[in-house]
N, C-alpha and C. Protein backbone atom coordinates (compact mmCIF):
# COMPACT_ATOMS: atom_id res chain seq x y z
N MET A 1 1.25 -21.14 11.54
CA MET A 1 0.77 -20.95 12.20
C MET A 1 -0.93 -20.87 11.45
N LEU A 2 -1.04 -20.08 10.58
CA LEU A 2 -2.06 -19.61 9.86
C LEU A 2 -2.17 -21.05 8.87
N ASP A 3 -1.51 -21.65 8.55
CA ASP A 3 -1.81 -22.90 7.03
C ASP A 3 -2.09 -24.17 8.08
N ARG A 4 -2.91 -23.89 8.60
CA ARG A 4 -3.30 -25.31 9.80
C ARG A 4 -4.63 -25.05 8.96
N GLU A 5 -5.05 -26.87 9.03
CA GLU A 5 -5.74 -27.29 8.46
C GLU A 5 -7.44 -27.06 9.83
N ASP A 6 -6.97 -27.18 11.08
CA ASP A 6 -7.94 -26.86 11.78
C ASP A 6 -8.59 -26.08 11.68
N ILE A 7 -8.13 -24.72 11.76
CA ILE A 7 -7.96 -23.39 12.15
C ILE A 7 -9.03 -22.83 10.26
N ARG A 8 -8.82 -23.48 9.45
CA ARG A 8 -9.79 -23.22 8.19
C ARG A 8 -10.59 -24.05 7.94
N CYS A 9 -11.45 -25.52 8.94
CA CYS A 9 -12.57 -26.05 9.27
C CYS A 9 -13.68 -24.67 10.20
N THR A 10 -12.11 -24.79 10.93
CA THR A 10 -12.67 -24.27 11.84
C THR A 10 -14.13 -22.73 11.11
N LEU A 11 -12.64 -21.61 11.17
CA LEU A 11 -13.38 -20.17 9.88
C LEU A 11 -15.15 -21.45 9.46
N GLU A 12 -14.10 -22.50 8.67
CA GLU A 12 -15.58 -22.63 7.67
C GLU A 12 -16.86 -22.34 8.40
N ASP A 13 -17.09 -23.54 9.67
CA ASP A 13 -18.17 -24.22 10.51
C ASP A 13 -18.50 -22.78 11.04
N ILE A 14 -17.69 -21.20 11.54
CA ILE A 14 -18.89 -20.39 11.41
C ILE A 14 -18.57 -19.66 10.89
N LEU A 15 -18.55 -19.79 9.32
CA LEU A 15 -19.52 -18.97 8.07
C LEU A 15 -21.01 -19.68 7.71
N ARG A 16 -20.48 -21.20 8.15
CA ARG A 16 -21.46 -21.83 7.56
C ARG A 16 -22.62 -21.65 8.21
N SER A 17 -22.17 -21.72 9.56
CA SER A 17 -23.51 -21.91 10.77
C SER A 17 -24.19 -20.14 10.54
N GLY A 18 -23.35 -19.52 10.19
CA GLY A 18 -23.73 -18.58 9.97
C GLY A 18 -23.54 -17.04 12.14
N LYS A 19 -22.86 -17.99 12.14
CA LYS A 19 -22.18 -16.89 13.81
C LYS A 19 -21.49 -15.59 13.07
N ALA A 20 -20.62 -16.17 11.63
CA ALA A 20 -19.84 -14.36 11.50
C ALA A 20 -20.32 -14.69 9.40
N ARG A 21 -20.76 -14.00 8.98
CA ARG A 21 -21.32 -13.34 7.33
C ARG A 21 -19.59 -13.53 7.32
N ALA A 22 -17.97 -13.05 7.34
CA ALA A 22 -16.97 -12.88 6.48
C ALA A 22 -16.48 -13.10 7.19
N VAL A 23 -15.13 -13.40 7.50
CA VAL A 23 -13.74 -13.65 8.13
C VAL A 23 -12.68 -12.82 6.76
N GLY A 24 -11.92 -12.26 8.33
CA GLY A 24 -11.48 -10.76 8.03
C GLY A 24 -10.14 -10.71 8.41
N MET A 25 -9.04 -10.28 8.11
CA MET A 25 -7.30 -10.56 9.17
C MET A 25 -7.12 -9.13 8.67
N ALA A 26 -6.76 -8.79 9.77
CA ALA A 26 -5.17 -7.46 9.37
C ALA A 26 -3.73 -7.74 10.54
N GLY A 27 -2.62 -7.04 10.05
CA GLY A 27 -1.87 -7.41 10.22
C GLY A 27 -0.52 -7.73 9.25
N SER A 28 0.36 -8.01 8.87
CA SER A 28 1.42 -8.23 7.88
C SER A 28 0.61 -8.55 7.12
N VAL A 29 2.03 -8.42 5.97
CA VAL A 29 1.45 -8.50 4.36
C VAL A 29 1.65 -10.41 4.66
N GLU A 30 2.72 -11.37 5.03
CA GLU A 30 3.23 -11.93 5.55
C GLU A 30 2.12 -12.86 5.81
N ALA A 31 1.98 -12.49 6.70
CA ALA A 31 0.79 -13.74 7.39
C ALA A 31 -0.75 -13.77 6.59
N ALA A 32 -0.99 -12.40 5.85
CA ALA A 32 -1.78 -12.53 4.29
C ALA A 32 -1.99 -13.19 3.46
N PHE A 33 0.09 -13.40 3.42
CA PHE A 33 0.20 -14.04 2.31
C PHE A 33 -0.28 -15.54 2.51
N VAL A 34 0.17 -16.44 4.07
CA VAL A 34 0.14 -17.55 3.53
C VAL A 34 -1.40 -17.50 4.42
N GLY A 35 -1.85 -16.99 5.33
CA GLY A 35 -3.61 -17.32 4.96
C GLY A 35 -4.47 -17.72 3.79
N LEU A 36 -3.55 -16.71 2.88
CA LEU A 36 -5.14 -16.78 1.82
C LEU A 36 -4.01 -18.16 1.09
N GLN A 37 -2.55 -18.33 1.61
CA GLN A 37 -1.89 -19.56 -0.12
C GLN A 37 -2.74 -20.60 0.82
N ALA A 38 -2.82 -20.66 1.97
CA ALA A 38 -3.66 -22.07 2.33
C ALA A 38 -4.86 -21.71 2.73
N GLY A 39 -6.23 -21.21 1.61
CA GLY A 39 -6.87 -21.31 1.38
C GLY A 39 -7.92 -21.26 2.41
N LEU A 40 -7.61 -20.50 3.05
CA LEU A 40 -8.63 -19.81 4.48
C LEU A 40 -9.34 -18.47 4.05
N PRO A 41 -11.11 -19.11 4.53
CA PRO A 41 -11.83 -18.16 3.84
C PRO A 41 -11.46 -16.98 4.18
N ILE A 42 -10.89 -16.01 4.00
CA ILE A 42 -10.83 -14.66 4.28
C ILE A 42 -11.30 -14.13 3.05
N GLN A 43 -12.07 -12.89 3.33
CA GLN A 43 -13.03 -12.23 1.93
C GLN A 43 -11.87 -10.50 2.39
N HIS A 44 -11.51 -10.14 3.79
CA HIS A 44 -10.93 -8.85 3.30
C HIS A 44 -9.82 -9.05 4.34
N VAL A 45 -8.34 -8.16 3.99
CA VAL A 45 -7.40 -8.41 4.13
C VAL A 45 -7.20 -6.56 4.29
N GLN A 46 -6.79 -6.49 6.22
CA GLN A 46 -5.83 -5.29 5.90
C GLN A 46 -4.62 -4.77 6.28
N ILE A 47 -4.57 -4.05 5.74
CA ILE A 47 -2.45 -4.18 6.11
C ILE A 47 -2.07 -2.25 5.53
N ALA A 48 -1.39 -2.64 6.27
CA ALA A 48 0.24 -1.50 5.96
C ALA A 48 0.88 -1.28 4.74
N ASP A 49 0.61 0.09 3.80
CA ASP A 49 1.17 -0.06 3.06
C ASP A 49 2.05 1.26 2.97
N PRO A 50 3.33 0.92 3.69
CA PRO A 50 4.41 2.37 3.61
C PRO A 50 4.79 2.50 2.04
N PRO A 51 5.44 3.94 2.35
CA PRO A 51 6.11 4.03 0.94
C PRO A 51 7.19 3.23 0.84
N LEU A 52 7.89 3.28 -0.36
CA LEU A 52 8.27 2.04 -1.08
C LEU A 52 9.16 0.88 -0.84
N ALA A 53 7.66 0.74 0.39
CA ALA A 53 7.52 -0.68 0.73
C ALA A 53 7.12 -1.90 -0.65
N GLU A 54 6.86 -2.70 -0.90
CA GLU A 54 6.34 -3.84 -1.62
C GLU A 54 5.03 -3.80 -2.22
N SER A 55 4.06 -3.04 -3.15
CA SER A 55 2.99 -3.76 -3.47
C SER A 55 2.44 -4.27 -2.68
N PRO A 56 1.86 -4.91 -1.27
CA PRO A 56 0.97 -5.24 -0.84
C PRO A 56 -0.07 -5.70 -1.97
N ALA A 57 -0.70 -5.13 -3.01
CA ALA A 57 -1.17 -5.80 -3.85
C ALA A 57 -0.83 -6.87 -4.45
N ARG A 58 0.25 -6.23 -5.39
CA ARG A 58 1.29 -7.75 -6.09
C ARG A 58 1.32 -8.62 -5.84
N ARG A 59 1.84 -8.44 -3.72
CA ARG A 59 2.45 -10.05 -2.75
C ARG A 59 0.93 -10.82 -2.55
N LEU A 60 0.28 -10.09 -2.69
CA LEU A 60 -1.32 -10.68 -1.73
C LEU A 60 -1.71 -11.64 -3.69
N ALA A 61 -1.42 -10.34 -4.38
CA ALA A 61 -2.18 -12.41 -5.74
C ALA A 61 -1.39 -12.87 -6.36
N SER A 62 0.18 -13.41 -5.34
CA SER A 62 0.67 -14.37 -5.49
C SER A 62 -0.13 -15.65 -4.85
N ALA A 63 -0.41 -15.51 -4.75
CA ALA A 63 -0.83 -16.02 -3.03
C ALA A 63 -1.58 -17.01 -3.45
N GLY A 64 -2.57 -17.11 -4.88
CA GLY A 64 -2.81 -18.52 -5.83
C GLY A 64 -4.54 -17.41 -6.84
N PRO A 65 -4.89 -18.17 -7.64
CA PRO A 65 -5.37 -17.41 -8.60
C PRO A 65 -7.57 -17.98 -7.66
N ASP A 66 -7.08 -18.31 -7.19
CA ASP A 66 -8.48 -18.04 -6.34
C ASP A 66 -9.25 -17.69 -5.23
N ALA A 67 -7.50 -17.06 -4.74
CA ALA A 67 -7.81 -16.01 -3.70
C ALA A 67 -8.62 -14.73 -3.84
N GLY A 68 -10.18 -14.74 -3.39
CA GLY A 68 -11.00 -13.23 -3.73
C GLY A 68 -11.42 -12.92 -1.92
N TYR A 69 -10.24 -11.72 -1.89
CA TYR A 69 -10.46 -10.70 -1.61
C TYR A 69 -10.55 -9.40 -1.54
N PHE A 70 -11.10 -8.53 -0.38
CA PHE A 70 -10.49 -7.04 -0.70
C PHE A 70 -9.83 -6.85 0.51
N LEU A 71 -9.36 -5.61 -0.81
CA LEU A 71 -8.06 -5.18 0.61
C LEU A 71 -7.80 -3.61 0.78
N ALA A 72 -7.81 -3.49 2.47
CA ALA A 72 -7.58 -2.25 3.01
C ALA A 72 -6.34 -1.06 3.17
N THR A 73 -5.81 -0.72 2.34
CA THR A 73 -4.59 -0.36 3.10
C THR A 73 -4.30 0.14 4.20
N HIS A 74 -3.91 0.90 4.46
CA HIS A 74 -3.13 2.27 5.43
C HIS A 74 -2.01 2.81 5.56
N SER A 75 -1.43 3.23 6.22
CA SER A 75 -0.48 3.94 7.09
C SER A 75 0.51 4.28 5.69
N ILE A 76 -0.16 4.67 4.51
CA ILE A 76 0.51 5.16 3.11
C ILE A 76 1.68 6.27 2.95
N TYR A 77 1.92 6.57 4.20
CA TYR A 77 2.38 7.91 4.40
C TYR A 77 3.71 7.25 5.55
N GLY A 78 3.62 6.01 6.35
CA GLY A 78 4.47 5.96 6.83
C GLY A 78 4.81 6.62 8.40
N ARG A 79 6.00 5.74 9.13
CA ARG A 79 5.15 6.41 10.94
C ARG A 79 6.54 7.62 10.76
N THR A 80 6.95 7.99 9.32
CA THR A 80 7.54 9.42 9.65
C THR A 80 7.11 10.78 7.94
N ASP A 81 7.71 11.52 8.39
CA ASP A 81 6.79 12.69 7.18
C ASP A 81 7.54 11.54 5.82
N PRO A 82 5.90 11.66 4.92
CA PRO A 82 7.07 11.45 3.47
C PRO A 82 8.13 11.82 3.16
N LEU A 83 8.31 13.26 3.00
CA LEU A 83 9.48 14.27 2.27
C LEU A 83 10.49 13.35 3.30
N GLN A 84 10.69 13.04 4.55
CA GLN A 84 11.85 12.50 5.24
C GLN A 84 12.41 10.78 4.36
N VAL A 85 11.42 10.03 4.02
CA VAL A 85 11.65 8.29 3.47
C VAL A 85 12.06 8.96 2.33
N LEU A 86 11.92 10.08 1.80
CA LEU A 86 12.07 9.74 0.40
C LEU A 86 13.17 10.34 0.18
N LEU A 87 13.06 11.69 0.77
CA LEU A 87 14.89 12.52 0.60
C LEU A 87 15.57 10.96 1.06
N ALA A 88 15.67 10.24 1.87
CA ALA A 88 16.38 9.01 2.81
C ALA A 88 16.83 8.80 1.78
N ARG A 89 16.12 8.20 0.57
CA ARG A 89 16.47 7.06 -0.63
C ARG A 89 17.47 7.54 -1.62
N ALA A 90 16.88 8.97 -2.27
CA ALA A 90 17.07 9.87 -3.01
C ALA A 90 18.65 10.62 -2.54
N GLY A 91 19.38 11.38 -1.00
CA GLY A 91 20.58 11.17 -0.60
C GLY A 91 20.47 12.36 -0.56
N SER A 92 19.54 13.11 -1.03
CA SER A 92 19.62 14.74 -1.51
C SER A 92 18.36 15.69 -1.71
N PRO A 93 18.18 16.94 -1.14
CA PRO A 93 16.85 17.96 -1.94
C PRO A 93 17.52 17.81 -3.11
N GLY A 94 18.31 18.61 -3.45
CA GLY A 94 18.06 18.15 -5.08
C GLY A 94 17.54 17.56 -5.76
N ARG A 95 18.91 15.91 -5.82
CA ARG A 95 18.25 14.80 -6.49
C ARG A 95 16.93 14.34 -5.99
N LEU A 96 16.48 14.38 -5.67
CA LEU A 96 14.87 14.39 -4.73
C LEU A 96 13.86 15.19 -5.82
N GLY A 97 14.46 16.87 -5.22
CA GLY A 97 13.68 17.66 -7.17
C GLY A 97 13.33 17.54 -7.82
N ALA A 98 14.76 16.19 -8.42
CA ALA A 98 14.98 16.70 -9.43
C ALA A 98 13.85 15.15 -10.16
N LEU A 99 13.95 13.83 -9.23
CA LEU A 99 12.69 12.99 -9.95
C LEU A 99 12.20 13.47 -9.19
N LEU A 100 11.50 14.30 -8.40
CA LEU A 100 9.99 14.70 -8.39
C LEU A 100 9.22 15.29 -9.69
N THR A 101 10.52 16.13 -10.40
CA THR A 101 9.71 16.50 -11.33
C THR A 101 10.37 16.22 -12.67
N ALA A 102 10.93 15.48 -13.20
CA ALA A 102 11.05 14.42 -13.95
C ALA A 102 9.73 13.34 -14.05
N HIS A 103 9.39 13.19 -13.01
CA HIS A 103 7.99 12.31 -13.41
C HIS A 103 6.65 13.03 -12.75
N GLY A 104 6.51 14.49 -13.30
CA GLY A 104 5.50 15.00 -13.56
C GLY A 104 5.72 16.21 -11.29
N TYR A 105 6.42 16.24 -11.14
CA TYR A 105 5.80 16.43 -10.08
C TYR A 105 6.21 17.51 -9.48
N THR A 106 5.95 18.90 -10.23
CA THR A 106 5.94 20.04 -9.71
C THR A 106 6.08 20.93 -8.15
N ALA A 107 5.31 20.65 -7.83
CA ALA A 107 4.87 21.33 -6.66
C ALA A 107 6.16 21.99 -5.83
N PRO A 108 5.80 22.87 -4.90
CA PRO A 108 7.27 22.46 -3.71
C PRO A 108 7.25 21.27 -3.20
N ILE A 109 8.07 20.82 -2.77
CA ILE A 109 8.97 19.50 -2.81
C ILE A 109 8.32 18.80 -1.58
N GLU A 110 8.34 18.92 -0.28
CA GLU A 110 7.12 18.68 0.52
C GLU A 110 5.83 18.39 -0.11
N GLN A 111 5.31 18.97 -0.82
CA GLN A 111 3.79 18.68 -1.39
C GLN A 111 3.61 17.62 -2.34
N ALA A 112 4.64 17.69 -3.26
CA ALA A 112 5.12 17.05 -3.84
C ALA A 112 5.24 15.59 -3.55
N ALA A 113 6.23 15.66 -2.37
CA ALA A 113 6.16 14.10 -1.72
C ALA A 113 4.81 13.55 -1.80
N ARG A 114 4.30 14.09 -0.99
CA ARG A 114 2.56 13.72 -0.23
C ARG A 114 2.06 12.97 -1.48
N ALA A 115 2.15 14.24 -2.46
CA ALA A 115 1.14 13.86 -3.66
C ALA A 115 2.22 12.49 -4.54
N ALA A 116 2.59 11.74 -4.41
CA ALA A 116 3.72 11.16 -5.07
C ALA A 116 3.04 9.85 -4.46
N VAL A 117 3.08 10.13 -3.77
CA VAL A 117 3.10 8.88 -1.82
C VAL A 117 1.86 8.53 -2.13
N LEU A 118 0.46 9.51 -1.70
CA LEU A 118 -0.30 8.41 -2.29
C LEU A 118 -1.22 8.23 -3.40
N ASP A 119 -0.95 9.25 -4.95
CA ASP A 119 -0.87 8.43 -6.11
C ASP A 119 0.28 7.46 -5.77
N ARG A 120 0.43 6.79 -5.50
CA ARG A 120 1.39 5.33 -5.55
C ARG A 120 0.70 4.42 -4.53
N ALA A 121 0.47 5.16 -3.56
CA ALA A 121 -0.23 3.60 -2.50
C ALA A 121 -2.04 3.88 -3.72
N LEU A 122 -2.80 4.88 -3.99
CA LEU A 122 -3.90 4.79 -4.75
C LEU A 122 -3.10 3.65 -6.27
N ALA A 123 -2.07 3.83 -6.90
CA ALA A 123 -1.92 2.62 -7.65
C ALA A 123 -1.36 1.16 -7.84
N SER A 124 -0.88 1.53 -6.16
CA SER A 124 -0.69 -0.71 -5.81
C SER A 124 -1.94 -0.51 -5.73
N ASN A 125 -3.05 0.33 -5.05
CA ASN A 125 -4.23 -1.18 -4.32
C ASN A 125 -5.72 -0.72 -5.27
N PRO A 126 -5.63 -0.66 -6.80
CA PRO A 126 -6.66 -0.49 -7.63
C PRO A 126 -8.28 -0.52 -7.26
N ARG A 127 -8.22 -1.97 -7.17
CA ARG A 127 -9.23 -2.31 -6.26
C ARG A 127 -10.04 -2.03 -4.82
N GLY A 128 -9.31 -1.76 -4.47
CA GLY A 128 -8.81 -1.44 -2.75
C GLY A 128 -9.96 -0.48 -2.97
N VAL A 129 -9.35 0.08 -0.92
CA VAL A 129 -9.56 0.79 -0.47
C VAL A 129 -8.19 1.30 -0.19
N VAL A 130 -8.03 2.61 -0.09
CA VAL A 130 -7.03 3.10 0.26
C VAL A 130 -7.28 4.04 1.87
N LEU A 131 -7.27 4.17 3.45
CA LEU A 131 -7.49 4.43 4.29
C LEU A 131 -6.11 5.67 4.45
N LEU A 132 -7.33 7.06 4.65
CA LEU A 132 -5.88 7.91 5.06
C LEU A 132 -6.52 8.72 6.22
N SER A 133 -5.70 9.39 6.82
CA SER A 133 -5.87 9.95 8.07
C SER A 133 -6.48 11.48 7.43
N MET A 134 -7.38 12.45 7.69
CA MET A 134 -7.79 13.33 7.44
C MET A 134 -8.18 14.35 8.42
N PHE A 135 -7.06 14.86 9.35
CA PHE A 135 -7.58 16.28 10.13
C PHE A 135 -8.62 17.43 10.27
N THR A 136 -7.58 17.83 8.79
CA THR A 136 -7.78 18.76 8.50
C THR A 136 -8.66 19.08 7.51
N ALA A 137 -9.74 20.09 7.16
CA ALA A 137 -10.65 20.14 5.95
C ALA A 137 -9.97 20.27 4.49
N ALA A 138 -8.09 20.61 5.17
CA ALA A 138 -7.48 21.30 3.78
C ALA A 138 -6.92 19.69 3.32
N HIS A 139 -6.79 18.65 4.14
CA HIS A 139 -5.95 17.44 4.39
C HIS A 139 -6.77 16.74 3.26
N LEU A 140 -8.66 16.55 3.97
CA LEU A 140 -9.52 16.81 3.02
C LEU A 140 -9.54 16.24 1.36
N GLN A 141 -9.98 17.84 1.02
CA GLN A 141 -9.99 18.17 -0.12
C GLN A 141 -8.67 18.18 -1.09
N ASP A 142 -7.07 17.96 -0.29
CA ASP A 142 -6.14 17.19 -0.32
C ASP A 142 -5.97 16.00 -1.36
N ASN A 143 -6.25 15.34 -0.75
CA ASN A 143 -7.16 14.42 -0.82
C ASN A 143 -7.50 13.91 -1.91
N LEU A 144 -9.11 14.31 -1.77
CA LEU A 144 -9.93 14.46 -2.97
C LEU A 144 -9.39 14.91 -4.29
N ALA A 145 -8.59 16.45 -4.25
CA ALA A 145 -8.16 16.59 -5.43
C ALA A 145 -6.97 15.58 -6.20
N ARG A 146 -6.44 14.57 -5.12
CA ARG A 146 -5.25 13.93 -6.23
C ARG A 146 -6.33 12.60 -6.60
N LEU A 147 -7.36 12.41 -6.16
CA LEU A 147 -8.43 11.43 -7.39
C LEU A 147 -8.34 12.03 -8.31
N HIS A 148 -8.15 12.92 -8.33
CA HIS A 148 -8.23 13.91 -10.26
C HIS A 148 -7.34 14.24 -11.19
N LYS A 149 -5.98 14.55 -10.33
CA LYS A 149 -5.46 14.99 -11.02
C LYS A 149 -4.31 13.84 -10.61
N GLY A 150 -3.98 13.05 -9.78
CA GLY A 150 -2.74 11.73 -9.45
C GLY A 150 -3.01 11.24 -10.61
N SER A 151 -0.80 10.42 -10.62
CA SER A 151 -1.07 10.09 -12.06
C SER A 151 -0.25 7.85 -11.49
N PRO A 152 -1.03 7.52 -11.31
CA PRO A 152 -0.34 5.87 -10.51
C PRO A 152 0.49 6.43 -11.98
N ARG A 153 0.98 6.48 -13.26
CA ARG A 153 1.83 5.49 -13.89
C ARG A 153 3.07 7.04 -12.84
N GLN A 154 2.60 7.66 -12.87
CA GLN A 154 4.25 9.03 -13.34
C GLN A 154 4.08 8.29 -11.75
N ALA A 155 3.59 7.81 -10.32
CA ALA A 155 3.98 7.49 -9.76
C ALA A 155 4.40 5.88 -9.13
N GLU A 156 4.57 5.00 -9.89
CA GLU A 156 5.25 4.15 -10.01
C GLU A 156 6.55 4.03 -10.77
N ALA A 157 6.48 5.18 -12.17
CA ALA A 157 7.59 5.55 -11.78
C ALA A 157 8.51 5.48 -11.31
N LEU A 158 8.19 6.36 -10.72
CA LEU A 158 9.37 7.42 -9.74
C LEU A 158 9.59 6.38 -8.41
N PHE A 159 8.70 5.98 -7.72
CA PHE A 159 8.71 4.84 -7.34
C PHE A 159 9.45 3.26 -7.68
N GLN A 160 9.74 3.30 -8.54
CA GLN A 160 10.85 2.20 -9.37
C GLN A 160 12.29 2.42 -8.87
N GLU A 161 11.98 4.23 -9.69
CA GLU A 161 13.62 4.84 -10.04
C GLU A 161 14.25 4.81 -8.33
N LEU A 162 13.36 5.25 -7.08
CA LEU A 162 13.93 5.20 -5.86
C LEU A 162 13.95 3.97 -5.32
N THR A 163 13.38 2.87 -5.95
CA THR A 163 13.67 1.84 -5.20
C THR A 163 14.93 1.01 -6.36
N LEU A 164 15.85 1.30 -7.35
CA LEU A 164 16.95 1.04 -8.35
C LEU A 164 17.58 1.70 -7.03
N ILE A 165 17.49 3.20 -7.27
CA ILE A 165 18.89 3.60 -5.75
C ILE A 165 18.67 3.66 -4.27
N GLY A 166 18.04 2.32 -4.29
CA GLY A 166 18.37 1.79 -2.75
C GLY A 166 18.76 0.75 -3.06
N ALA A 167 18.68 -0.13 -4.56
CA ALA A 167 18.87 -1.31 -4.70
C ALA A 167 20.95 -1.10 -5.16
N HIS A 168 21.02 0.01 -5.15
CA HIS A 168 22.76 0.30 -6.09
C HIS A 168 23.62 1.49 -5.30
N ALA A 169 23.20 1.97 -3.38
CA ALA A 169 23.76 2.42 -2.82
C ALA A 169 24.05 1.54 -1.88
N PRO A 170 25.44 2.56 -1.18
CA PRO A 170 26.41 1.99 -0.04
C PRO A 170 25.60 1.40 0.50
N ALA A 171 26.20 -0.01 1.02
CA ALA A 171 25.90 -0.29 2.19
C ALA A 171 26.28 0.54 3.63
């Protein structure tokens, strides 16, 4: 639906007439990909980036070389506790703990899981904005501290390994 010529022309007319300064879209990675690939004049994209999903920035980058937009990601912890998501993929607390430690996450397992998920989100959207819920001052302090001590390479390696585990897990 988003790849229709009449939609593109209408959005361009709205921008040209000054009725809007920018066009943005929020929704799924797939919808954003179709809109960008169709040449819609989209300047802002906001989409979810749950743990263990393909990086939205990587997926959208393949929409085309001239697809210039600003990306905001959200829901980086998913709808469930990140520890539970990673435990389900790793198969056991012992295995997840070993993986986290091997990739430099040495805090207690729950803190390490949250730190790894945040590092992965920041690594997967390096030029955009990662929206985070911060219900308490402690959340704010922890998230800001991660910006200074997080390691995108460690997180990417950890999540690649978790993806491989999922690919080889029995169905």
